[in-house]
Amino acid sequence: MKDFLTVCLCFATMLVGYGQGVGARQDFNSPEYHNDGKVTFKFRAPQAKEVKLNAQFSRTQMPMEKDTNGVWSITVGPIEPDMYPYSFNVDGISVADPKNQDLFPNEGFQNSIVEIKGPKADVHTVKNVPHGKVTYAYYSNPELGERRVLVYTPPSYDPTSAKTYPVLYLLHGTTDTEETWTKVGRANIILDNLIAAGKAKDMIIVMPYGRAYPVITKNSGSLRNWENLQEFKKDFFNHLMPFVESQYKIKKDKNSRAIAGFSGGGGTSLYFGLNNPDTFAWVCGFAPGMLKNEFERNNEVPFKDPMATNKNLKLFWIGVGKDDMLYSVIKDYMVVLDEKKIKYESFVSEGGHTWMNCKLFLTEIAQKLFQ
C-alpha cells in the first residue's frame, strides 16, 4: 500500500508540473466538435516538450502544437462517424483527456472516448425509442469474493410479471471490464434500437467481469489463458448463472441461452458454448482469441462429435475484421471446422481488432438470436 501511495503521489506531482494539477486553468473544452465534421483536441501541459494525439481513427500518433498559454491542440478530420478511444502521449507517457468524462473501461490502459456523429444516426446512437435498463448487480463467490455483473433488461421487462426472457451472456475482451460492453460497445443502446425497429427479440443481456481475480492476476493476456478459463468456468456455471437465473425472469432452457464475446472473451464464449451443448444453443465469437495449438484442447466436445454439435446448435457464428491481428488464426480455425463438417456462419468485415467492429458484430447477431 505504501508503494502504491508513493506512485500515486509521484504521478500527481508530475501532472501538477505539466499544468494539470490543482489551480491549473481549465478554460477550454476537449474534444471540441465542429460543424464541418472536424474535431479539436486540447491538453494543457506548459512544461511538456512534446504532446501527440493517439487515436484509433489514425494509424499514427499526431503531433500537437502548443500555444503561449501552454495548451497543446490539434484539429483533425472529417472523421468517419463512430466511437473511438484516444489518449495523449505526453513526453512518452500515455494520459487520458482530463477534460473528457467519457473513459474507456480497461485495466491495461487509460483512454478517453470520442463519439463522432454523422447526419444519419448509427445503431449505437441514443434515439427516441423505449429504453431498457442496465443494473449493476453483485453476486458472491467463496473463492473470488464479491463479483459485479451488469444486466440489461429490455423495455418490456416487468419483474412482477410472469413473462420470462431469453438471455445473452456477453463477455468482454482481454484487459477490458464488465462496463466496456455498455460504455464502449453500447450493447444496451443497440438492443433498444433493434427491438424498437422489430429487428431483435426482447432479451436479457448479462455482462460479467471475465477475470478470475484475485486467483488470477490482472496481467495482460491472463483473461484468455488456460488457468483463467478454468477458474472463470467455475465462477460462471456455479455462481453467476444461478444468481442471474434466480434474480431475473430468465428462461432456463438451452434454446433460450446464447453466449458471445470479444477477443479473449470471444475465445471464452466458444470454449464455454461449444463444450456445453446442453446449456447453450447459440454460440458467437467476435474476433475470438485463440491459438492454433489450442484448437483440439479447447474444442474437445464439438470435435469429438461434429454431427451432434450441428444438431444441438441453432447458431454458431464467427466475426472478424480483415485487418484484425487474429484474422489469420481464425481463418485456420474455420478450415478445421470445414474439414470436420461443423456448420457455422462467418462474417468478415473491414477494419481491425476494435470495438467499432464489436458494435457491428453485436448488431448482426442480435438480429439472429432466438428467432
Protein backbone atom coordinates (compact mmCIF):
# COMPACT_ATOMS: atom_id res chain seq x y z
CA MET A 1 0.00 0.00 0.00
CA LYS A 2 2.87 2.37 0.83
CA ASP A 3 4.46 1.76 -2.59
CA PHE A 4 1.10 2.34 -4.29
CA LEU A 5 0.61 5.67 -2.49
CA THR A 6 4.14 6.71 -3.42
CA VAL A 7 3.45 6.00 -7.11
CA CYS A 8 0.19 7.97 -6.97
CA LEU A 9 1.93 10.91 -5.30
CA CYS A 10 4.68 10.94 -7.90
CA PHE A 11 2.17 10.81 -10.75
CA ALA A 12 0.09 13.61 -9.22
CA THR A 13 3.25 15.70 -8.80
CA MET A 14 4.16 15.13 -12.45
CA LEU A 15 0.71 16.27 -13.59
CA VAL A 16 0.96 19.41 -11.47
CA GLY A 17 4.25 20.12 -13.17
CA TYR A 18 2.62 19.69 -16.55
CA GLY A 19 -0.13 22.09 -15.53
CA GLN A 20 -2.95 19.60 -14.91
CA GLY A 21 -2.97 19.82 -11.11
CA VAL A 22 -5.00 21.87 -8.68
CA GLY A 23 -5.05 25.53 -9.64
CA ALA A 24 -4.38 24.99 -13.33
CA ARG A 25 -6.69 26.96 -15.61
CA GLN A 26 -9.22 24.80 -17.43
CA ASP A 27 -10.85 27.38 -19.71
CA PHE A 28 -11.26 25.19 -22.81
CA ASN A 29 -13.17 22.13 -23.95
CA SER A 30 -11.83 18.87 -25.27
CA PRO A 31 -12.90 17.33 -27.52
CA GLU A 32 -14.50 20.24 -29.37
CA TYR A 33 -16.77 19.35 -32.28
CA HIS A 34 -17.13 21.49 -35.43
CA ASN A 35 -19.96 21.69 -37.96
CA ASP A 36 -17.70 20.53 -40.79
CA GLY A 37 -17.09 17.15 -39.11
CA LYS A 38 -13.69 18.09 -37.71
CA VAL A 39 -12.74 17.74 -34.05
CA THR A 40 -10.25 19.68 -31.93
CA PHE A 41 -8.40 18.03 -29.05
CA LYS A 42 -6.62 20.08 -26.37
CA PHE A 43 -4.35 19.33 -23.43
CA ARG A 44 -2.67 21.76 -21.02
CA ALA A 45 0.97 20.88 -20.37
CA PRO A 46 3.17 24.03 -20.23
CA GLN A 47 6.31 22.09 -19.27
CA ALA A 48 5.94 19.26 -21.78
CA LYS A 49 8.42 19.03 -24.62
CA GLU A 50 6.15 17.05 -26.93
CA VAL A 51 2.49 16.04 -26.95
CA LYS A 52 0.88 13.74 -29.52
CA LEU A 53 -2.68 12.58 -30.10
CA ASN A 54 -3.01 8.81 -30.17
CA ALA A 55 -6.44 7.91 -31.58
CA GLN A 56 -7.90 4.78 -33.11
CA PHE A 57 -9.07 6.69 -36.19
CA SER A 58 -5.41 7.25 -37.15
CA ARG A 59 -2.68 4.71 -37.79
CA THR A 60 -0.01 7.08 -36.46
CA GLN A 61 0.29 9.41 -33.48
CA MET A 62 -0.33 13.02 -34.50
CA PRO A 63 1.88 15.86 -33.17
CA MET A 64 0.04 18.66 -31.37
CA GLU A 65 1.03 22.33 -31.23
CA LYS A 66 1.48 24.40 -28.07
CA ASP A 67 0.18 27.96 -27.68
CA THR A 68 1.52 30.71 -25.41
CA ASN A 69 -0.67 29.51 -22.52
CA GLY A 70 0.86 26.03 -22.60
CA VAL A 71 -2.19 24.42 -24.21
CA TRP A 72 -1.44 21.84 -26.87
CA SER A 73 -4.05 21.34 -29.58
CA ILE A 74 -4.78 19.64 -32.86
CA THR A 75 -7.76 19.71 -35.22
CA VAL A 76 -8.41 16.54 -37.23
CA GLY A 77 -10.99 15.27 -39.65
CA PRO A 78 -13.51 14.98 -41.00
CA ILE A 79 -13.66 11.63 -39.21
CA GLU A 80 -15.88 8.70 -40.12
CA PRO A 81 -18.82 8.68 -37.67
CA ASP A 82 -18.26 6.19 -34.83
CA MET A 83 -16.89 5.96 -31.30
CA TYR A 84 -13.10 5.95 -30.89
CA PRO A 85 -10.70 5.56 -27.97
CA TYR A 86 -7.92 8.15 -27.74
CA SER A 87 -5.23 9.43 -25.39
CA PHE A 88 -2.42 11.99 -25.26
CA ASN A 89 1.20 10.94 -25.40
CA VAL A 90 2.95 13.47 -23.13
CA ASP A 91 6.73 13.09 -23.37
CA GLY A 92 6.29 9.35 -23.77
CA ILE A 93 3.59 8.94 -21.10
CA SER A 94 0.04 7.99 -22.14
CA VAL A 95 -2.59 10.17 -20.44
CA ALA A 96 -6.39 10.21 -20.79
CA ASP A 97 -8.10 13.50 -21.61
CA PRO A 98 -8.79 15.25 -18.25
CA LYS A 99 -11.49 17.36 -19.90
CA ASN A 100 -13.48 14.35 -21.08
CA GLN A 101 -15.52 12.36 -18.57
CA ASP A 102 -16.11 9.51 -21.05
CA LEU A 103 -13.39 7.00 -20.17
CA PHE A 104 -12.69 3.62 -21.75
CA PRO A 105 -13.12 0.96 -19.00
CA ASN A 106 -9.90 -1.05 -19.19
CA GLU A 107 -7.32 -2.47 -16.78
CA GLY A 108 -4.43 -2.28 -19.24
CA PHE A 109 -4.54 1.33 -20.45
CA GLN A 110 -6.23 4.68 -19.83
CA ASN A 111 -8.09 6.08 -22.83
CA SER A 112 -10.89 8.55 -23.34
CA ILE A 113 -13.74 8.09 -25.83
CA VAL A 114 -14.78 10.47 -28.59
CA GLU A 115 -18.08 9.95 -30.38
CA ILE A 116 -18.26 11.30 -33.93
CA LYS A 117 -21.85 11.71 -35.04
CA GLY A 118 -22.90 11.85 -38.67
CA PRO A 119 -26.01 13.05 -40.50
CA LYS A 120 -27.57 9.60 -40.06
CA ALA A 121 -27.95 8.07 -36.60
CA ASP A 122 -25.90 4.91 -36.04
CA VAL A 123 -27.37 1.82 -34.42
CA HIS A 124 -25.44 2.71 -31.25
CA THR A 125 -26.82 6.27 -31.16
CA VAL A 126 -29.39 7.07 -28.49
CA LYS A 127 -32.76 7.51 -30.21
CA ASN A 128 -36.26 8.46 -29.16
CA VAL A 129 -37.35 4.88 -28.51
CA PRO A 130 -38.29 2.94 -25.36
CA HIS A 131 -35.17 2.23 -23.32
CA GLY A 132 -34.24 -0.81 -21.32
CA LYS A 133 -32.41 -0.71 -18.00
CA VAL A 134 -28.82 -1.54 -17.08
CA THR A 135 -28.44 -2.74 -13.49
CA TYR A 136 -25.21 -3.11 -11.54
CA ALA A 137 -25.67 -6.33 -9.58
CA TYR A 138 -23.41 -8.27 -7.21
CA TYR A 139 -23.07 -11.97 -6.51
CA SER A 140 -20.77 -13.92 -4.20
CA ASN A 141 -18.11 -16.49 -4.98
CA PRO A 142 -16.41 -18.18 -1.98
CA GLU A 143 -13.04 -18.18 -3.78
CA LEU A 144 -13.20 -14.88 -5.68
CA GLY A 145 -15.27 -12.80 -3.28
CA GLU A 146 -17.97 -10.34 -4.31
CA ARG A 147 -18.31 -10.12 -8.07
CA ARG A 148 -20.01 -7.41 -10.14
CA VAL A 149 -22.15 -8.05 -13.20
CA LEU A 150 -24.11 -5.70 -15.45
CA VAL A 151 -27.57 -6.84 -16.51
CA TYR A 152 -29.59 -5.29 -19.33
CA THR A 153 -33.34 -5.80 -19.19
CA PRO A 154 -35.41 -4.78 -22.26
CA PRO A 155 -38.06 -2.03 -22.19
CA SER A 156 -40.88 -4.56 -21.78
CA TYR A 157 -39.32 -6.18 -18.71
CA ASP A 158 -41.52 -6.26 -15.63
CA PRO A 159 -40.13 -8.04 -12.54
CA THR A 160 -43.67 -8.57 -11.23
CA SER A 161 -44.84 -10.27 -14.43
CA ALA A 162 -44.75 -13.98 -15.13
CA LYS A 163 -43.18 -13.39 -18.54
CA THR A 164 -39.68 -14.82 -18.97
CA TYR A 165 -36.97 -13.86 -21.45
CA PRO A 166 -34.10 -15.48 -23.36
CA VAL A 167 -30.63 -14.46 -22.21
CA LEU A 168 -27.39 -13.47 -23.93
CA TYR A 169 -24.20 -13.77 -21.89
CA LEU A 170 -21.83 -11.16 -23.33
CA LEU A 171 -18.13 -11.37 -22.45
CA HIS A 172 -15.58 -8.54 -22.72
CA GLY A 173 -12.10 -8.57 -24.20
CA THR A 174 -8.72 -9.01 -22.54
CA THR A 175 -7.94 -6.17 -20.08
CA ASP A 176 -11.48 -4.77 -20.55
CA THR A 177 -14.05 -4.84 -17.75
CA GLU A 178 -17.72 -5.62 -17.30
CA GLU A 179 -18.53 -1.98 -18.12
CA THR A 180 -16.88 -1.95 -21.54
CA TRP A 181 -19.86 -3.50 -23.31
CA THR A 182 -22.14 -0.64 -22.26
CA LYS A 183 -19.78 2.34 -22.18
CA VAL A 184 -17.91 1.49 -25.40
CA GLY A 185 -19.88 -1.32 -27.05
CA ARG A 186 -23.22 0.41 -26.36
CA ALA A 187 -24.89 -3.00 -26.10
CA ASN A 188 -27.93 -1.61 -24.31
CA ILE A 189 -28.46 1.18 -26.87
CA ILE A 190 -28.03 -1.21 -29.80
CA LEU A 191 -30.65 -3.57 -28.38
CA ASP A 192 -33.03 -0.71 -27.57
CA ASN A 193 -32.88 0.43 -31.19
CA LEU A 194 -33.13 -3.03 -32.74
CA ILE A 195 -36.02 -4.06 -30.51
CA ALA A 196 -37.88 -0.82 -31.28
CA ALA A 197 -37.39 -1.46 -35.00
CA GLY A 198 -38.69 -5.01 -34.69
CA LYS A 199 -35.33 -6.42 -35.75
CA ALA A 200 -34.40 -8.18 -32.50
CA LYS A 201 -36.27 -10.20 -29.92
CA ASP A 202 -36.67 -8.92 -26.38
CA MET A 203 -33.80 -10.42 -24.41
CA ILE A 204 -31.82 -10.02 -21.21
CA ILE A 205 -28.07 -9.41 -21.56
CA VAL A 206 -25.68 -10.47 -18.79
CA MET A 207 -22.24 -8.82 -18.86
CA PRO A 208 -19.92 -10.27 -16.18
CA TYR A 209 -16.32 -9.49 -15.22
CA GLY A 210 -14.31 -12.17 -17.02
CA ARG A 211 -11.13 -12.35 -14.99
CA ALA A 212 -10.93 -14.76 -12.05
CA TYR A 213 -9.20 -12.19 -9.86
CA PRO A 214 -7.69 -12.49 -7.24
CA VAL A 215 -6.91 -16.15 -8.05
CA ILE A 216 -5.72 -14.98 -11.48
CA THR A 217 -3.64 -11.81 -11.82
CA LYS A 218 -4.70 -8.82 -13.90
CA ASN A 219 -1.62 -9.05 -16.10
CA SER A 220 -2.25 -8.51 -19.81
CA GLY A 221 -3.19 -11.74 -21.53
CA SER A 222 -4.33 -13.58 -18.42
CA LEU A 223 -8.00 -13.37 -19.44
CA ARG A 224 -7.64 -15.94 -22.20
CA ASN A 225 -5.09 -18.28 -20.61
CA TRP A 226 -6.00 -21.82 -19.57
CA GLU A 227 -5.86 -21.15 -15.83
CA ASN A 228 -8.26 -18.24 -16.08
CA LEU A 229 -10.59 -20.28 -18.29
CA GLN A 230 -10.82 -22.99 -15.64
CA GLU A 231 -11.33 -20.59 -12.73
CA PHE A 232 -13.82 -18.42 -14.60
CA LYS A 233 -15.67 -21.53 -15.78
CA LYS A 234 -16.33 -22.49 -12.16
CA ASP A 235 -17.47 -18.95 -11.38
CA PHE A 236 -19.64 -18.72 -14.49
CA PHE A 237 -21.54 -22.01 -14.17
CA ASN A 238 -21.57 -22.44 -10.39
CA HIS A 239 -22.20 -18.88 -9.23
CA LEU A 240 -23.01 -16.36 -11.99
CA MET A 241 -25.66 -18.34 -13.87
CA PRO A 242 -27.54 -19.49 -10.74
CA PHE A 243 -27.51 -15.92 -9.44
CA VAL A 244 -28.96 -14.24 -12.54
CA GLU A 245 -31.48 -17.02 -13.10
CA SER A 246 -32.73 -16.60 -9.54
CA GLN A 247 -32.89 -12.80 -9.68
CA TYR A 248 -34.23 -12.16 -13.19
CA LYS A 249 -37.06 -13.51 -15.32
CA ILE A 250 -34.82 -15.73 -17.44
CA LYS A 251 -35.80 -18.81 -19.44
CA LYS A 252 -33.72 -21.78 -18.33
CA ASP A 253 -33.57 -24.00 -21.41
CA LYS A 254 -30.59 -24.19 -23.77
CA ASN A 255 -32.57 -22.87 -26.73
CA SER A 256 -33.10 -19.64 -24.77
CA ARG A 257 -29.42 -19.17 -23.88
CA ALA A 258 -26.77 -17.51 -26.05
CA ILE A 259 -23.14 -16.67 -25.34
CA ALA A 260 -20.90 -14.26 -27.24
CA GLY A 261 -17.73 -12.31 -26.59
CA PHE A 262 -14.89 -10.25 -27.99
CA SER A 263 -11.20 -11.19 -28.23
CA GLY A 264 -10.24 -13.09 -25.05
CA GLY A 265 -13.92 -13.12 -24.14
CA GLY A 266 -14.70 -14.39 -27.64
CA GLY A 267 -12.41 -17.36 -27.13
CA THR A 268 -14.07 -17.97 -23.77
CA SER A 269 -17.54 -17.81 -25.33
CA LEU A 270 -16.61 -20.51 -27.86
CA TYR A 271 -14.98 -22.66 -25.16
CA PHE A 272 -17.97 -22.43 -22.81
CA GLY A 273 -20.62 -22.60 -25.50
CA LEU A 274 -19.32 -25.37 -27.75
CA ASN A 275 -18.26 -27.63 -24.88
CA ASN A 276 -21.58 -27.31 -23.06
CA PRO A 277 -24.18 -28.21 -25.71
CA ASP A 278 -26.85 -28.86 -23.07
CA THR A 279 -26.51 -25.27 -21.86
CA PHE A 280 -26.14 -23.12 -25.00
CA ALA A 281 -27.73 -23.36 -28.45
CA TRP A 282 -26.39 -20.01 -29.68
CA VAL A 283 -22.60 -19.50 -29.69
CA CYS A 284 -20.85 -16.46 -31.18
CA GLY A 285 -17.26 -15.24 -31.27
CA PHE A 286 -16.21 -11.68 -32.12
CA ALA A 287 -12.58 -11.90 -33.24
CA PRO A 288 -12.23 -14.73 -30.71
CA GLY A 289 -8.84 -15.05 -29.06
CA MET A 290 -7.26 -18.42 -29.88
CA LEU A 291 -4.00 -20.15 -30.77
CA LYS A 292 -3.62 -22.86 -33.37
CA ASN A 293 -2.02 -25.29 -30.92
CA GLU A 294 -5.11 -24.94 -28.68
CA PHE A 295 -7.72 -25.91 -31.27
CA GLU A 296 -8.02 -29.56 -30.19
CA ARG A 297 -7.93 -28.88 -26.45
CA ASN A 298 -10.45 -26.03 -26.49
CA ASN A 299 -12.88 -27.81 -28.85
CA GLU A 300 -12.88 -31.27 -27.32
CA VAL A 301 -16.65 -31.78 -27.35
CA PRO A 302 -17.53 -30.38 -30.81
CA PHE A 303 -14.56 -32.05 -32.50
CA LYS A 304 -15.40 -35.42 -30.92
CA ASP A 305 -18.92 -35.47 -32.39
CA PRO A 306 -19.48 -32.90 -35.16
CA MET A 307 -22.89 -34.31 -36.10
CA ALA A 308 -24.19 -33.88 -32.55
CA THR A 309 -22.73 -30.37 -32.47
CA ASN A 310 -24.57 -29.41 -35.64
CA LYS A 311 -27.79 -30.88 -34.25
CA ASN A 312 -27.52 -29.10 -30.89
CA LEU A 313 -26.59 -25.63 -32.16
CA LYS A 314 -29.10 -23.20 -33.60
CA LEU A 315 -26.31 -20.73 -34.44
CA PHE A 316 -22.52 -20.94 -34.43
CA TRP A 317 -21.24 -17.55 -35.62
CA ILE A 318 -17.74 -16.07 -36.04
CA GLY A 319 -16.96 -12.46 -36.95
CA VAL A 320 -13.56 -10.89 -37.62
CA GLY A 321 -12.08 -7.88 -39.43
CA LYS A 322 -9.78 -8.25 -42.43
CA ASP A 323 -7.08 -6.21 -40.67
CA ASP A 324 -7.50 -7.96 -37.33
CA MET A 325 -4.33 -9.42 -35.84
CA LEU A 326 -6.29 -12.64 -35.24
CA TYR A 327 -7.63 -12.94 -38.79
CA SER A 328 -5.03 -15.50 -39.87
CA VAL A 329 -5.50 -17.91 -36.97
CA ILE A 330 -9.31 -17.57 -37.17
CA LYS A 331 -9.15 -18.49 -40.87
CA ASP A 332 -7.12 -21.57 -39.90
CA TYR A 333 -9.78 -22.41 -37.32
CA MET A 334 -12.53 -22.16 -39.91
CA VAL A 335 -10.56 -24.50 -42.19
CA VAL A 336 -10.59 -27.08 -39.38
CA LEU A 337 -14.32 -26.56 -38.86
CA ASP A 338 -14.87 -27.14 -42.58
CA GLU A 339 -12.75 -30.30 -42.50
CA LYS A 340 -14.79 -31.65 -39.60
CA LYS A 341 -18.03 -30.56 -41.30
CA ILE A 342 -19.10 -28.42 -38.34
CA LYS A 343 -21.62 -25.85 -39.53
CA TYR A 344 -21.04 -22.18 -38.76
CA GLU A 345 -21.68 -18.73 -40.14
CA SER A 346 -18.79 -16.34 -40.76
CA PHE A 347 -18.81 -12.57 -41.10
CA VAL A 348 -15.66 -10.84 -42.35
CA SER A 349 -15.74 -7.06 -42.04
CA GLU A 350 -13.37 -4.25 -42.81
CA GLY A 351 -11.14 -2.91 -40.04
CA GLY A 352 -9.19 -4.50 -37.25
CA HIS A 353 -9.38 -5.63 -33.63
CA THR A 354 -11.61 -2.78 -32.50
CA TRP A 355 -14.74 -2.07 -30.52
CA MET A 356 -16.12 -0.40 -33.64
CA ASN A 357 -16.27 -3.90 -35.13
CA CYS A 358 -17.70 -5.26 -31.88
CA LYS A 359 -20.72 -2.98 -32.23
CA LEU A 360 -21.13 -4.20 -35.81
CA PHE A 361 -20.86 -7.86 -34.80
CA LEU A 362 -23.34 -7.46 -31.94
CA THR A 363 -25.78 -5.74 -34.29
CA GLU A 364 -25.51 -8.66 -36.71
CA ILE A 365 -26.02 -11.47 -34.21
CA ALA A 366 -28.71 -9.70 -32.15
CA GLN A 367 -30.97 -9.92 -35.21
CA LYS A 368 -30.43 -13.67 -35.43
CA LEU A 369 -30.70 -14.75 -31.81
CA PHE A 370 -33.83 -16.53 -30.61
CA GLN A 371 -35.56 -16.15 -33.97
